Amino acid sequence: MKILILKPSSLGDVVQALPVLRLLKRHRPEAQIFWWIDAGLAPLLEHDPDLAGVVRFERKRWASPRHWPEMWRSLRWLRAQRFDWVIDLQSLARSGVFAWLAQGDLLVGLDESREGARGFYDVAVPRASFHTHAVDWYLAVLQRLGVPVHWNFTWLPERSEIAAAVRTKWPQTQDDPRWIALQPGARWPNKRWPIEHFAETARQLAAQLPKVRFVVLGGEDDKPLGDFLASTLRERGLNLTGQTSLPETVEWLRRSDLLITNDTGPMHIAAALGKPLVALFGPTEPRRTGPYGRLDDVMQHPLPCAPCLKPRCAWPQPMECLTAITPAQVVQRALAAFAACHAGRPA
């Protein structure tokens, strides 16, 4: 049996879709499963034990007509695989078109109103309610395929070679170090808790947890935020913004004891790893896209407009849903999460 999953982006969405892969492989261990993913995120899934291969979607490259022959070759390869099931978990026009052109025996997708992708599917699976979490919606696709849903799997298996590389590149500077990870960036500006709040939170935590070090994670665009935090934390901080690959980010979060984060992909990675976290939410709805099964770890200041689900803030006091969350409140949450994780160990 051959199965194609289409979930090209974003990082958090791909992580939330991984239970679909895990359960498909456990139900059909003989199946060859492929994943169609944005080229920039492909390293996250390369060498995954449950995948037969990764199909790169070169979105930026294929925007140029001179690279269209590459796209057609990719499509011909997809058709040649003669997939039994094609599962589109993105449900946008481009994923729907690629899923349909793959010409699998059965095409299943999400019953999403955006861009008319549902018109390509043999079976469209609706969201049970507005607040149904994305993970549960993805898993509902499996129920339509007769695949049992359970949690007897590892969401993100450790990649020992990457973990070893992380320890080699960034060796421990003390015995039994404990790390608090900070994720100050986010794709939408109004999903970013003020960097000054992050810095004050880290300063207070450093004062109360003298043996803890801080690692700042994020992409290339987050470097100014990382530099700001590094200048605050000095020798207690390690700024890795723009320096880690996706697999290295996963292993750094596995290595960390706590993550303080905006609504980002690394938040979903930490949740998948079962790590303690404090998730700061503003315009987005944690019941739909928050850390799965971890609503108690979410902080969101109540406003009449929140969550607005919009990338731009129209509230008279811009971003108050985020800025009204104080460093003192986050420190209290973080200390409680840290203490629960390390009961019986000196800080």
Protein backbone atom coordinates (compact mmCIF):
# COMPACT_ATOMS: atom_id res chain seq x y z
CA MET A 1 0.00 0.00 0.00
CA LYS A 2 1.17 3.54 -0.78
CA ILE A 3 -0.04 6.68 1.00
CA LEU A 4 0.67 10.35 0.30
CA ILE A 5 0.16 13.01 2.99
CA LEU A 6 0.06 16.64 1.91
CA LYS A 7 0.87 19.11 4.67
CA PRO A 8 3.48 21.52 3.33
CA SER A 9 3.41 24.20 6.04
CA SER A 10 3.69 25.76 8.54
CA LEU A 11 6.06 24.29 11.15
CA GLY A 12 3.43 24.09 13.87
CA ASP A 13 0.84 22.65 11.50
CA VAL A 14 3.23 19.94 10.31
CA VAL A 15 4.04 18.97 13.91
CA GLN A 16 0.34 18.82 14.75
CA ALA A 17 -0.27 16.55 11.75
CA LEU A 18 2.40 14.01 12.75
CA PRO A 19 -0.01 11.81 14.76
CA VAL A 20 -1.72 11.03 11.44
CA LEU A 21 1.55 9.60 10.12
CA ARG A 22 2.26 7.67 13.32
CA LEU A 23 -1.17 6.04 13.42
CA LEU A 24 -1.22 5.22 9.72
CA LYS A 25 2.08 3.40 10.06
CA ARG A 26 0.94 1.48 13.11
CA HIS A 27 -2.30 0.46 11.44
CA ARG A 28 -0.64 -0.36 8.12
CA PRO A 29 3.01 -1.21 8.96
CA GLU A 30 3.58 -2.48 5.43
CA ALA A 31 2.54 0.86 3.89
CA GLN A 32 4.98 3.13 2.12
CA ILE A 33 4.08 6.63 3.29
CA PHE A 34 5.33 9.81 1.63
CA TRP A 35 4.92 13.41 2.81
CA TRP A 36 4.60 16.43 0.50
CA ILE A 37 6.19 19.35 2.37
CA ASP A 38 7.64 22.79 1.78
CA ALA A 39 11.34 22.47 1.01
CA GLY A 40 12.26 24.73 3.93
CA LEU A 41 10.60 22.37 6.39
CA ALA A 42 11.76 19.12 4.78
CA PRO A 43 14.68 18.59 7.23
CA LEU A 44 12.12 18.12 10.00
CA LEU A 45 10.85 14.92 8.34
CA GLU A 46 13.91 13.61 6.52
CA HIS A 47 15.00 10.22 7.90
CA ASP A 48 11.76 9.89 9.85
CA PRO A 49 11.38 6.18 10.70
CA ASP A 50 7.75 6.08 9.55
CA LEU A 51 8.30 7.70 6.15
CA ALA A 52 9.38 6.06 2.92
CA GLY A 53 10.26 9.46 1.51
CA VAL A 54 9.77 13.22 1.53
CA VAL A 55 8.45 15.03 -1.54
CA ARG A 56 9.72 18.61 -1.58
CA PHE A 57 7.35 21.39 -2.57
CA GLU A 58 9.63 24.12 -3.91
CA ARG A 59 7.08 26.89 -3.49
CA LYS A 60 9.42 29.85 -3.92
CA ARG A 61 11.49 28.26 -6.67
CA TRP A 62 8.48 27.08 -8.67
CA ALA A 63 6.97 30.57 -8.65
CA SER A 64 9.32 31.29 -11.58
CA PRO A 65 8.17 29.89 -14.97
CA ARG A 66 11.72 28.80 -15.79
CA HIS A 67 11.50 26.23 -12.99
CA TRP A 68 8.09 24.85 -13.98
CA PRO A 69 9.65 21.81 -15.69
CA GLU A 70 10.87 20.73 -12.23
CA MET A 71 7.31 20.98 -10.94
CA TRP A 72 5.97 18.84 -13.78
CA ARG A 73 8.64 16.23 -13.16
CA SER A 74 7.59 16.11 -9.51
CA LEU A 75 3.97 15.68 -10.52
CA ARG A 76 4.82 12.89 -12.94
CA TRP A 77 6.73 11.14 -10.18
CA LEU A 78 3.71 11.41 -7.88
CA ARG A 79 1.44 9.91 -10.53
CA ALA A 80 3.86 7.06 -11.17
CA GLN A 81 3.62 5.98 -7.52
CA ARG A 82 -0.06 5.01 -7.94
CA PHE A 83 -1.01 5.97 -4.40
CA ASP A 84 -3.86 4.10 -2.76
CA TRP A 85 -4.68 6.98 -0.41
CA VAL A 86 -3.93 10.67 -0.86
CA ILE A 87 -4.60 12.73 2.29
CA ASP A 88 -4.62 16.53 2.01
CA LEU A 89 -4.34 18.11 5.46
CA GLN A 90 -3.60 21.60 4.09
CA SER A 91 -6.81 22.12 2.12
CA LEU A 92 -5.71 25.12 0.11
CA ALA A 93 -6.04 25.45 -3.65
CA ARG A 94 -2.45 24.49 -4.40
CA SER A 95 -2.47 21.42 -2.15
CA GLY A 96 -5.86 20.38 -3.51
CA VAL A 97 -4.60 20.66 -7.09
CA PHE A 98 -1.42 18.69 -6.35
CA ALA A 99 -3.44 16.06 -4.46
CA TRP A 100 -5.87 15.70 -7.36
CA LEU A 101 -3.09 15.57 -9.96
CA ALA A 102 -1.41 12.75 -8.00
CA GLN A 103 -4.34 10.61 -9.19
CA GLY A 104 -4.54 8.35 -6.15
CA ASP A 105 -7.33 5.81 -5.77
CA LEU A 106 -8.93 7.74 -2.89
CA LEU A 107 -8.46 11.44 -2.13
CA VAL A 108 -9.42 12.63 1.36
CA GLY A 109 -9.19 16.20 2.62
CA LEU A 110 -10.52 18.64 5.17
CA ASP A 111 -13.88 20.26 4.56
CA GLU A 112 -12.41 23.75 4.64
CA SER A 113 -14.15 26.62 2.87
CA ARG A 114 -10.94 28.39 1.86
CA GLU A 115 -10.07 28.51 -1.84
CA GLY A 116 -12.42 25.72 -2.87
CA ALA A 117 -10.00 22.84 -2.28
CA ARG A 118 -12.83 20.57 -1.09
CA GLY A 119 -14.05 20.32 -4.69
CA PHE A 120 -11.06 18.09 -5.49
CA TYR A 121 -11.77 15.48 -2.81
CA ASP A 122 -13.60 12.18 -2.87
CA VAL A 123 -14.19 12.56 0.87
CA ALA A 124 -14.19 15.89 2.75
CA VAL A 125 -14.02 15.74 6.55
CA PRO A 126 -15.68 18.66 8.39
CA ARG A 127 -14.40 20.28 11.56
CA ALA A 128 -16.66 19.13 14.39
CA SER A 129 -16.98 22.67 15.77
CA PHE A 130 -15.30 26.05 15.54
CA HIS A 131 -13.23 25.26 18.63
CA THR A 132 -12.20 21.75 17.60
CA HIS A 133 -8.43 21.55 17.88
CA ALA A 134 -6.47 21.11 14.67
CA VAL A 135 -4.97 17.82 15.90
CA ASP A 136 -8.44 16.37 16.52
CA TRP A 137 -9.60 17.53 13.09
CA TYR A 138 -6.66 15.79 11.43
CA LEU A 139 -7.34 12.63 13.41
CA ALA A 140 -10.97 12.69 12.25
CA VAL A 141 -9.64 11.96 8.75
CA LEU A 142 -8.24 8.67 10.04
CA GLN A 143 -11.58 7.73 11.53
CA ARG A 144 -13.15 8.12 8.09
CA LEU A 145 -10.49 5.75 6.74
CA GLY A 146 -11.12 3.15 9.41
CA VAL A 147 -7.78 3.76 11.15
CA PRO A 148 -7.98 3.46 14.97
CA VAL A 149 -7.01 6.56 16.94
CA HIS A 150 -4.92 6.05 20.08
CA TRP A 151 -1.81 7.56 21.69
CA ASN A 152 0.48 4.57 21.78
CA PHE A 153 3.25 6.23 19.78
CA THR A 154 6.11 8.70 20.13
CA TRP A 155 5.15 12.01 18.56
CA LEU A 156 8.72 13.13 17.86
CA PRO A 157 11.23 10.27 18.23
CA GLU A 158 14.72 11.28 19.28
CA ARG A 159 17.27 11.51 16.48
CA SER A 160 20.35 10.36 18.32
CA GLU A 161 22.80 11.66 15.73
CA ILE A 162 21.26 15.14 15.92
CA ALA A 163 21.20 15.06 19.72
CA ALA A 164 24.88 14.11 19.70
CA ALA A 165 25.66 16.92 17.26
CA VAL A 166 23.88 19.41 19.53
CA ARG A 167 25.96 18.29 22.51
CA THR A 168 29.14 18.61 20.43
CA LYS A 169 28.36 22.03 18.93
CA TRP A 170 27.10 23.51 22.22
CA PRO A 171 28.77 21.56 25.03
CA GLN A 172 27.59 21.86 28.60
CA THR A 173 29.51 24.40 30.62
CA GLN A 174 28.58 23.02 34.04
CA ASP A 175 27.59 19.73 35.62
CA ASP A 176 23.92 18.82 35.31
CA PRO A 177 22.89 22.10 33.62
CA ARG A 178 19.25 22.98 33.34
CA TRP A 179 17.96 25.07 30.49
CA ILE A 180 15.02 27.40 30.09
CA ALA A 181 14.31 28.02 26.40
CA LEU A 182 12.95 31.37 25.24
CA GLN A 183 11.12 31.80 21.92
CA PRO A 184 10.57 35.56 21.51
CA GLY A 185 9.67 35.59 17.81
CA ALA A 186 6.46 34.84 15.92
CA ARG A 187 5.26 35.14 12.35
CA TRP A 188 2.66 37.82 13.13
CA PRO A 189 3.98 40.93 14.93
CA ASN A 190 0.87 41.00 17.12
CA LYS A 191 1.64 37.46 18.33
CA ARG A 192 4.91 38.67 19.88
CA TRP A 193 4.94 39.39 23.59
CA PRO A 194 7.12 42.53 24.06
CA ILE A 195 10.80 41.66 24.07
CA GLU A 196 11.28 43.88 27.12
CA HIS A 197 8.82 41.60 28.96
CA PHE A 198 10.82 38.55 27.89
CA ALA A 199 13.99 40.19 29.17
CA GLU A 200 12.48 41.14 32.54
CA THR A 201 11.03 37.65 32.93
CA ALA A 202 14.42 36.07 32.22
CA ARG A 203 16.14 38.48 34.62
CA GLN A 204 13.76 37.58 37.47
CA LEU A 205 14.01 33.85 36.77
CA ALA A 206 17.80 34.04 36.66
CA ALA A 207 17.78 35.67 40.09
CA GLN A 208 15.57 32.95 41.58
CA LEU A 209 17.09 29.95 39.77
CA PRO A 210 20.86 30.47 40.06
CA LYS A 211 21.83 27.17 38.39
CA VAL A 212 19.65 27.65 35.32
CA ARG A 213 20.90 28.82 31.93
CA PHE A 214 18.79 30.29 29.14
CA VAL A 215 18.82 29.42 25.45
CA VAL A 216 17.15 31.76 22.96
CA LEU A 217 15.69 30.00 19.93
CA GLY A 218 14.32 31.39 16.68
CA GLY A 219 15.01 31.94 13.02
CA GLU A 220 17.21 34.39 11.15
CA ASP A 221 14.58 37.14 11.45
CA ASP A 222 14.63 36.78 15.24
CA LYS A 223 18.31 37.68 15.64
CA PRO A 224 17.67 41.22 16.92
CA LEU A 225 15.39 39.77 19.58
CA GLY A 226 18.00 37.18 20.49
CA ASP A 227 20.72 39.81 20.68
CA PHE A 228 18.58 41.90 23.04
CA LEU A 229 17.99 38.97 25.37
CA ALA A 230 21.63 37.90 25.22
CA SER A 231 22.73 41.37 26.30
CA THR A 232 20.41 41.05 29.30
CA LEU A 233 21.40 37.52 30.28
CA ARG A 234 25.15 37.84 29.58
CA GLU A 235 26.99 34.66 30.62
CA ARG A 236 23.71 32.99 31.64
CA GLY A 237 22.33 33.16 28.12
CA LEU A 238 23.05 31.37 24.83
CA ASN A 239 21.63 33.10 21.75
CA LEU A 240 20.98 30.55 19.00
CA THR A 241 18.61 32.57 16.84
CA GLY A 242 19.33 31.78 13.20
CA GLN A 243 21.92 29.14 14.14
CA THR A 244 19.97 25.90 14.54
CA SER A 245 18.45 23.60 11.95
CA LEU A 246 14.91 22.35 12.54
CA PRO A 247 16.12 18.96 13.83
CA GLU A 248 18.56 20.76 16.15
CA THR A 249 15.73 22.95 17.45
CA VAL A 250 13.75 19.81 18.28
CA GLU A 251 16.67 18.34 20.20
CA TRP A 252 17.34 21.62 22.01
CA LEU A 253 13.73 21.65 23.19
CA ARG A 254 14.06 18.01 24.24
CA ARG A 255 17.16 19.05 26.20
CA SER A 256 15.38 22.03 27.84
CA ASP A 257 13.46 21.95 31.10
CA LEU A 258 10.96 24.68 30.24
CA LEU A 259 9.93 26.77 27.24
CA ILE A 260 8.51 30.30 27.46
CA THR A 261 7.08 31.06 24.07
CA ASN A 262 4.77 33.00 21.84
CA ASP A 263 2.28 31.12 19.65
CA THR A 264 4.85 29.52 17.34
CA GLY A 265 5.96 26.25 15.78
CA PRO A 266 8.46 25.52 18.58
CA MET A 267 5.56 25.76 21.04
CA HIS A 268 3.94 22.81 19.25
CA ILE A 269 7.25 20.93 19.24
CA ALA A 270 7.57 21.38 23.02
CA ALA A 271 3.99 20.21 23.52
CA ALA A 272 4.63 17.15 21.35
CA LEU A 273 7.71 16.38 23.46
CA GLY A 274 5.70 16.74 26.68
CA LYS A 275 7.95 19.55 27.92
CA PRO A 276 6.78 22.11 30.51
CA LEU A 277 5.88 25.39 28.82
CA VAL A 278 4.30 28.79 29.24
CA ALA A 279 2.52 29.81 26.03
CA LEU A 280 1.65 33.48 25.51
CA PHE A 281 -1.40 34.02 23.32
CA GLY A 282 -2.97 37.16 21.91
CA PRO A 283 -5.05 37.20 18.70
CA THR A 284 -5.18 33.43 18.15
CA GLU A 285 -7.52 30.85 19.64
CA PRO A 286 -5.72 28.32 21.87
CA ARG A 287 -8.64 25.90 21.77
CA ARG A 288 -8.12 25.59 18.00
CA THR A 289 -4.36 25.88 17.61
CA GLY A 290 -2.83 26.01 21.07
CA PRO A 291 -0.46 23.44 22.59
CA TYR A 292 -2.47 20.25 22.23
CA GLY A 293 -4.03 19.09 25.48
CA ARG A 294 -2.22 21.85 27.37
CA LEU A 295 -4.71 24.72 27.74
CA ASP A 296 -3.63 25.19 31.36
CA ASP A 297 -0.21 26.23 30.04
CA VAL A 298 -1.67 29.10 28.00
CA MET A 299 -1.77 32.73 29.16
CA GLN A 300 -4.09 35.16 27.37
CA HIS A 301 -5.41 38.47 28.68
CA PRO A 302 -9.21 38.61 28.24
CA LEU A 303 -10.54 41.32 25.94
CA PRO A 304 -13.88 41.63 24.10
CA CYS A 305 -12.04 41.23 20.78
CA ALA A 306 -9.71 38.40 21.76
CA PRO A 307 -9.11 36.12 20.06
CA CYS A 308 -9.72 38.10 16.87
CA LEU A 309 -7.76 35.66 14.61
CA LYS A 310 -6.41 38.65 12.68
CA PRO A 311 -2.78 39.52 11.87
CA ARG A 312 -3.35 43.22 12.62
CA CYS A 313 -4.65 44.70 15.84
CA ALA A 314 -7.60 47.15 15.77
CA TRP A 315 -8.01 47.52 19.55
CA PRO A 316 -7.63 51.11 20.88
CA GLN A 317 -4.69 49.95 23.00
CA PRO A 318 -2.81 47.89 20.42
CA MET A 319 -1.92 44.32 21.40
CA GLU A 320 -3.32 44.70 24.90
CA CYS A 321 -4.32 41.02 24.83
CA LEU A 322 -0.57 40.31 24.95
CA THR A 323 1.00 43.36 26.56
CA ALA A 324 -1.31 43.17 29.57
CA ILE A 325 0.31 39.86 30.52
CA THR A 326 2.98 40.98 32.97
CA PRO A 327 6.46 39.52 33.50
CA ALA A 328 5.52 38.88 37.14
CA GLN A 329 2.59 36.70 36.04
CA VAL A 330 4.79 34.74 33.64
CA VAL A 331 7.52 34.31 36.25
CA GLN A 332 4.96 32.86 38.67
CA ARG A 333 3.72 30.41 36.04
CA ALA A 334 7.25 29.49 34.97
CA LEU A 335 8.44 28.85 38.53
CA ALA A 336 5.44 26.62 39.19
CA ALA A 337 6.05 24.63 36.00
CA PHE A 338 9.76 24.35 36.75
CA ALA A 339 9.15 23.25 40.35
CA ALA A 340 6.63 20.60 39.28
CA CYS A 341 9.13 19.22 36.77
CA HIS A 342 12.03 19.20 39.25
CA ALA A 343 10.40 18.31 42.53
CA GLY A 344 13.07 17.19 44.95
CA ARG A 345 15.98 18.70 43.02
CA PRO A 346 17.75 21.91 44.13
CA ALA A 347 17.31 24.92 41.83
